[in-house]
C-alpha cells in the first residue's frame, strides 16, 4: 500500500512512517505539513491511504478531505487527532474518512486501523474483478491510474536508494518527473509558472526544497560509493544523477580531503532520473 501523511507536527509523520514501513508491503510516498502542499502533491501521486491531522494550520483536515473527495480522489482517509469532540468526529466521518487514530500515537492502534482499511481496499478490488467476470469482461489487471506508474515506481525506488524518499522535496521531485514523463519534456523545457500555476517566489521555494533533497541524496550516495568501490552499476548511476566528479568530490569531502563537497545540478539530476 502507498501512504501519504499530513501533519503540521514534524515528529508525527516520522513516527507513523516507522510503524507503516515495518511492513515491507507499505511505502510512505510523501509527507506534508500543510494542506496546500498536500493538495498539490496528491494531484501527481497514486496513494492508497492518506493519514490526515484534524487540526491543520491552513485548512482543517475535514475540509481537506472534502476537497480531495470533490476532485474524485480514490484514496482512503484516516484522521489523526487528539480532539475527542463527538460533533467534530461525526463531521469527519460524514466528510468520508474511514477511521480515527488518536494522539498520542499508539503502535497497536495504528497497525489495527491500517490493516482494516487495507483489507477493505483489497476486498473492493476483488469485488471489482468479480463484477467484471459477471459482466463478461476479463478481470485482467486493473487499469493503472497513471500510464507512467511503472516509471514512477522506478523513480521512487531510486529516491529510496538515495535516502530521500521522505525528504520535504521528494514529492516535488516526483511531480516534476511525472510532468516530464507525461509531456515528454526535458527539465529545461518545463514552464513551471504555467504547469504549476506558481509565482516566481513559489518557484524559488519549490526549487529550494528540491535542492536540499538532492544534496542529501548526493551525500548519501557518496557514502554508498565509499562502501561499494568499483561497483560499475553504482558508478554509472552516480554519473547519470550527479556526474561522477561531484560524487567523487563529495566522497573526498566526507573523508576530510576537501574543504567543499560535490555540486548538484537540477537539470542533470532530473534528466538522469527520468532516463535511468
Protein backbone atom coordinates (compact mmCIF):
# COMPACT_ATOMS: atom_id res chain seq x y z
CA UNK A 1 0.00 0.00 0.00
CA UNK A 2 1.11 3.55 -0.75
CA UNK A 3 0.65 6.06 2.07
CA UNK A 4 0.72 9.85 2.31
CA UNK A 5 0.88 11.59 5.71
CA UNK A 6 -0.22 15.15 6.55
CA UNK A 7 0.54 16.65 9.96
CA UNK A 8 1.95 20.03 10.99
CA UNK A 9 3.96 18.38 13.78
CA UNK A 10 7.11 17.06 12.01
CA UNK A 11 7.54 14.27 14.56
CA UNK A 12 4.19 12.58 13.88
CA UNK A 13 4.83 11.62 10.21
CA UNK A 14 8.23 10.21 11.13
CA UNK A 15 6.71 8.03 13.86
CA UNK A 16 3.93 6.86 11.54
CA UNK A 17 6.39 6.15 8.72
CA UNK A 18 8.48 3.94 11.00
CA UNK A 19 5.38 1.99 12.03
CA UNK A 20 3.98 1.63 8.50
CA UNK A 21 7.21 0.69 6.72
CA UNK A 22 7.97 -2.13 9.15
CA UNK A 23 5.64 -3.97 6.77
CA UNK A 24 7.60 -4.40 3.52
CA UNK A 25 4.36 -4.06 1.53
CA UNK A 26 3.90 -0.46 2.71
CA UNK A 27 5.58 2.66 1.34
CA UNK A 28 5.19 6.25 2.53
CA UNK A 29 5.37 8.12 -0.78
CA UNK A 30 5.01 11.61 0.65
CA UNK A 31 4.76 13.78 3.75
CA UNK A 32 3.24 17.26 4.04
CA UNK A 33 2.97 19.72 6.91
CA UNK A 34 0.27 21.91 5.31
CA UNK A 35 -2.97 21.23 3.49
CA UNK A 36 -1.89 23.29 0.48
CA UNK A 37 1.24 21.19 -0.01
CA UNK A 38 -0.87 18.03 0.21
CA UNK A 39 -3.40 19.32 -2.33
CA UNK A 40 -0.53 19.98 -4.73
CA UNK A 41 1.30 16.70 -4.14
CA UNK A 42 -1.74 14.45 -4.38
CA UNK A 43 -2.53 15.69 -7.87
CA UNK A 44 0.52 13.76 -9.07
CA UNK A 45 0.55 10.71 -6.80
CA UNK A 46 -1.16 7.36 -6.69
CA UNK A 47 -1.93 6.90 -2.98
CA UNK A 48 -3.99 4.15 -1.38
CA UNK A 49 -4.31 5.58 2.13
CA UNK A 50 -3.95 9.19 3.32
CA UNK A 51 -3.44 9.91 7.03
CA UNK A 52 -4.57 13.47 7.86
CA UNK A 53 -4.26 15.54 11.02
CA UNK A 54 -7.62 17.00 12.05
CA UNK A 55 -6.24 20.41 13.07
CA UNK A 56 -4.00 21.72 10.30
CA UNK A 57 -2.89 25.37 10.39
CA UNK A 58 -4.11 26.47 6.95
CA UNK A 59 -7.17 24.26 6.44
CA UNK A 60 -8.94 21.78 8.68
CA UNK A 61 -8.38 18.11 7.99
CA UNK A 62 -12.12 17.76 7.40
CA UNK A 63 -12.13 20.46 4.72
CA UNK A 64 -9.06 18.90 3.13
CA UNK A 65 -10.81 15.52 2.86
CA UNK A 66 -13.83 17.24 1.31
CA UNK A 67 -11.66 18.98 -1.30
CA UNK A 68 -9.84 15.77 -2.18
CA UNK A 69 -13.12 13.87 -2.46
CA UNK A 70 -14.55 16.63 -4.66
CA UNK A 71 -11.88 16.04 -7.28
CA UNK A 72 -12.61 12.28 -7.29
CA UNK A 73 -9.56 11.25 -5.31
CA UNK A 74 -9.90 7.47 -4.87
CA UNK A 75 -7.68 7.33 -1.78
CA UNK A 76 -8.98 6.16 1.60
CA UNK A 77 -8.65 8.59 4.51
CA UNK A 78 -7.69 8.07 8.15
CA UNK A 79 -7.93 11.04 10.53
CA UNK A 80 -5.30 11.65 13.22
CA UNK A 81 -6.45 13.69 16.22
CA UNK A 82 -6.05 14.42 19.88
CA UNK A 83 -9.51 16.05 19.86
CA UNK A 84 -12.30 13.80 21.07
CA UNK A 85 -15.22 16.14 20.36
CA UNK A 86 -18.13 13.97 19.22
CA UNK A 87 -19.55 16.56 16.80
CA UNK A 88 -16.20 17.09 15.07
CA UNK A 89 -15.72 13.35 14.74
CA UNK A 90 -19.19 12.93 13.27
CA UNK A 91 -18.42 15.69 10.77
CA UNK A 92 -15.17 13.93 9.81
CA UNK A 93 -16.97 10.65 9.15
CA UNK A 94 -19.57 12.48 7.06
CA UNK A 95 -16.73 14.00 5.02
CA UNK A 96 -15.60 10.50 4.10
CA UNK A 97 -12.91 9.27 6.49
CA UNK A 98 -12.68 5.58 7.38
CA UNK A 99 -11.31 5.67 10.93
CA UNK A 100 -9.72 7.87 13.59
CA UNK A 101 -6.29 7.33 15.13
CA UNK A 102 -5.89 9.09 18.48
CA UNK A 103 -2.87 11.04 19.62
CA UNK A 104 -0.53 10.24 21.26
CA UNK A 105 0.23 7.63 18.62
CA UNK A 106 -0.24 4.04 19.72
CA UNK A 107 1.56 1.44 17.59
CA UNK A 108 -1.07 -1.26 18.06
CA UNK A 109 -3.92 1.11 17.17
CA UNK A 110 -2.14 2.31 14.02
CA UNK A 111 -1.48 -1.24 12.83
CA UNK A 112 -5.05 -2.35 13.56
CA UNK A 113 -6.70 0.61 11.80
CA UNK A 114 -4.40 0.48 8.77
CA UNK A 115 -4.94 -3.27 8.43
CA UNK A 116 -8.72 -2.79 8.40
CA UNK A 117 -8.55 -0.11 5.71
CA UNK A 118 -6.08 -2.14 3.63
CA UNK A 119 -8.37 -5.19 3.83
CA UNK A 120 -11.30 -3.03 2.69
CA UNK A 121 -9.29 -1.80 -0.31
CA UNK A 122 -8.31 -5.35 -1.26
CA UNK A 123 -11.91 -6.53 -0.90
CA UNK A 124 -13.13 -3.71 -3.15
CA UNK A 125 -10.59 -4.68 -5.80
CA UNK A 126 -11.65 -8.33 -5.61
CA UNK A 127 -15.32 -7.39 -5.95
CA UNK A 128 -14.47 -5.26 -8.98
CA UNK A 129 -12.78 -8.27 -10.59
CA UNK A 130 -15.79 -10.46 -9.80
CA UNK A 131 -18.15 -7.87 -11.28
CA UNK A 132 -16.02 -7.82 -14.41
CA UNK A 133 -16.44 -11.59 -14.72
CA UNK A 134 -20.20 -11.31 -14.25
CA UNK A 135 -20.36 -8.58 -16.90
CA UNK A 136 -18.41 -10.78 -19.28
CA UNK A 137 -15.23 -8.73 -19.20
CA UNK A 138 -11.80 -10.04 -18.47
CA UNK A 139 -10.76 -9.14 -14.93
CA UNK A 140 -7.16 -8.87 -16.09
CA UNK A 141 -5.02 -6.31 -14.39
CA UNK A 142 -6.73 -3.19 -13.07
CA UNK A 143 -6.09 -0.24 -15.36
CA UNK A 144 -3.29 1.88 -13.96
CA UNK A 145 -4.38 5.22 -12.59
CA UNK A 146 -1.21 6.63 -14.08
CA UNK A 147 0.03 5.48 -17.51
CA UNK A 148 3.60 6.04 -16.28
CA UNK A 149 3.13 4.30 -12.92
CA UNK A 150 5.92 1.80 -13.61
CA UNK A 151 8.34 4.64 -14.32
CA UNK A 152 7.19 6.47 -11.19
CA UNK A 153 7.67 3.35 -9.08
CA UNK A 154 11.18 3.00 -10.52
CA UNK A 155 11.95 6.66 -9.76
CA UNK A 156 10.60 6.26 -6.23
CA UNK A 157 12.85 3.23 -5.70
CA UNK A 158 15.84 5.37 -6.75
CA UNK A 159 14.82 8.07 -4.27
CA UNK A 160 14.74 5.36 -1.60
CA UNK A 161 18.24 4.23 -2.56
CA UNK A 162 19.35 7.86 -2.23
CA UNK A 163 17.65 8.00 1.18
CA UNK A 164 15.44 10.96 0.25
CA UNK A 165 12.00 9.42 -0.34
CA UNK A 166 10.72 11.15 2.81
CA UNK A 167 12.52 14.46 2.38
CA UNK A 168 10.30 17.54 2.02
CA UNK A 169 11.35 17.89 -1.63
CA UNK A 170 10.65 14.30 -2.64
CA UNK A 171 7.03 14.99 -3.59
CA UNK A 172 8.20 17.90 -5.75
CA UNK A 173 10.76 15.63 -7.42
CA UNK A 174 8.08 13.03 -8.18
CA UNK A 175 5.66 15.60 -9.57
CA UNK A 176 8.33 17.14 -11.84
CA UNK A 177 9.27 13.67 -13.11
CA UNK A 178 5.57 12.97 -13.73
CA UNK A 179 5.32 16.13 -15.81
CA UNK A 180 8.45 15.25 -17.79
CA UNK A 181 7.11 11.75 -18.50
CA UNK A 182 3.58 12.86 -19.39
CA UNK A 183 4.64 15.66 -21.72
CA UNK A 184 7.92 14.13 -22.94
CA UNK A 185 9.91 17.15 -21.75
CA UNK A 186 13.45 17.68 -20.60
CA UNK A 187 13.89 19.63 -17.37
CA UNK A 188 14.99 22.72 -19.29
CA UNK A 189 11.77 22.70 -21.33
CA UNK A 190 9.39 22.90 -18.34
CA UNK A 191 7.47 26.14 -17.84
CA UNK A 192 6.99 25.91 -14.08
CA UNK A 193 4.78 29.01 -13.86
CA UNK A 194 2.30 27.59 -16.36
CA UNK A 195 2.50 23.95 -15.29
CA UNK A 196 2.12 24.58 -11.54
CA UNK A 197 0.38 27.98 -11.57
CA UNK A 198 3.02 29.39 -9.23
CA UNK A 199 4.74 32.75 -8.80
CA UNK A 200 8.49 33.34 -9.02
CA UNK A 201 8.65 33.27 -5.22
CA UNK A 202 6.77 29.96 -5.01
CA UNK A 203 9.03 28.51 -7.71
CA UNK A 204 12.08 29.59 -5.71
CA UNK A 205 10.74 27.88 -2.57
CA UNK A 206 9.95 24.72 -4.57
CA UNK A 207 13.47 24.65 -6.02
CA UNK A 208 14.98 25.16 -2.56
CA UNK A 209 13.12 22.09 -1.27
CA UNK A 210 14.31 20.08 -4.26
CA UNK A 211 17.93 21.24 -3.96
CA UNK A 212 18.04 20.36 -0.25
CA UNK A 213 16.71 16.87 -1.00
CA UNK A 214 19.16 16.34 -3.88
CA UNK A 215 22.09 17.48 -1.73
CA UNK A 216 21.10 14.95 0.93
CA UNK A 217 20.91 12.35 -1.85
CA UNK A 218 24.40 13.26 -3.08
CA UNK A 219 25.83 12.84 0.42
CA UNK A 220 24.07 9.51 0.95
CA UNK A 221 25.14 8.28 -2.48
CA UNK A 222 28.75 9.25 -1.77
CA UNK A 223 28.61 7.10 1.37
CA UNK A 224 27.18 4.26 -0.75
CA UNK A 225 30.03 4.60 -3.25
CA UNK A 226 32.61 4.57 -0.46
CA UNK A 227 31.17 1.26 0.74
CA UNK A 228 30.98 -0.21 -2.79
CA UNK A 229 34.11 0.98 -4.56
CA UNK A 230 34.39 -0.43 -8.07
CA UNK A 231 30.71 -1.33 -8.48
CA UNK A 232 30.08 -0.40 -12.13
CA UNK A 233 26.30 -0.04 -11.72
CA UNK A 234 26.72 2.41 -8.85
CA UNK A 235 29.35 4.39 -10.78
CA UNK A 236 27.06 4.55 -13.83
CA UNK A 237 24.12 5.77 -11.74
CA UNK A 238 26.35 8.31 -9.99
CA UNK A 239 27.29 9.74 -13.36
CA UNK A 240 23.67 9.84 -14.56
CA UNK A 241 22.33 11.66 -11.49
CA UNK A 242 25.18 13.84 -10.28
CA UNK A 243 28.15 13.43 -12.65
CA UNK A 244 30.75 11.21 -11.09
CA UNK A 245 33.20 14.06 -10.42
CA UNK A 246 30.68 15.58 -7.98
CA UNK A 247 30.17 12.27 -6.20
CA UNK A 248 33.95 11.88 -6.03
CA UNK A 249 34.34 15.40 -4.60
CA UNK A 250 31.65 14.64 -2.01
CA UNK A 251 33.47 11.45 -1.04
CA UNK A 252 36.73 13.38 -0.60
CA UNK A 253 34.88 15.97 1.48
CA UNK A 254 33.42 13.27 3.72
CA UNK A 255 36.90 11.78 4.12
CA UNK A 256 38.28 15.19 5.08
CA UNK A 257 40.45 15.54 1.97
CA UNK A 258 38.49 18.51 0.56
CA UNK A 259 37.03 21.63 2.12
CA UNK A 260 33.96 21.59 -0.13
CA UNK A 261 31.73 18.78 -1.34
CA UNK A 262 30.25 17.99 -4.72
CA UNK A 263 27.87 20.27 -6.57
CA UNK A 264 24.38 19.42 -7.76
CA UNK A 265 22.53 20.38 -10.94
CA UNK A 266 18.74 20.23 -11.10
CA UNK A 267 18.78 19.73 -14.87
CA UNK A 268 21.36 16.94 -14.77
CA UNK A 269 19.62 15.21 -11.85
CA UNK A 270 16.11 15.26 -13.35
CA UNK A 271 17.15 14.33 -16.88
CA UNK A 272 19.23 11.48 -15.45
CA UNK A 273 16.48 10.36 -13.08
CA UNK A 274 13.90 10.09 -15.86
CA UNK A 275 16.40 8.23 -18.09
CA UNK A 276 17.59 5.66 -15.53
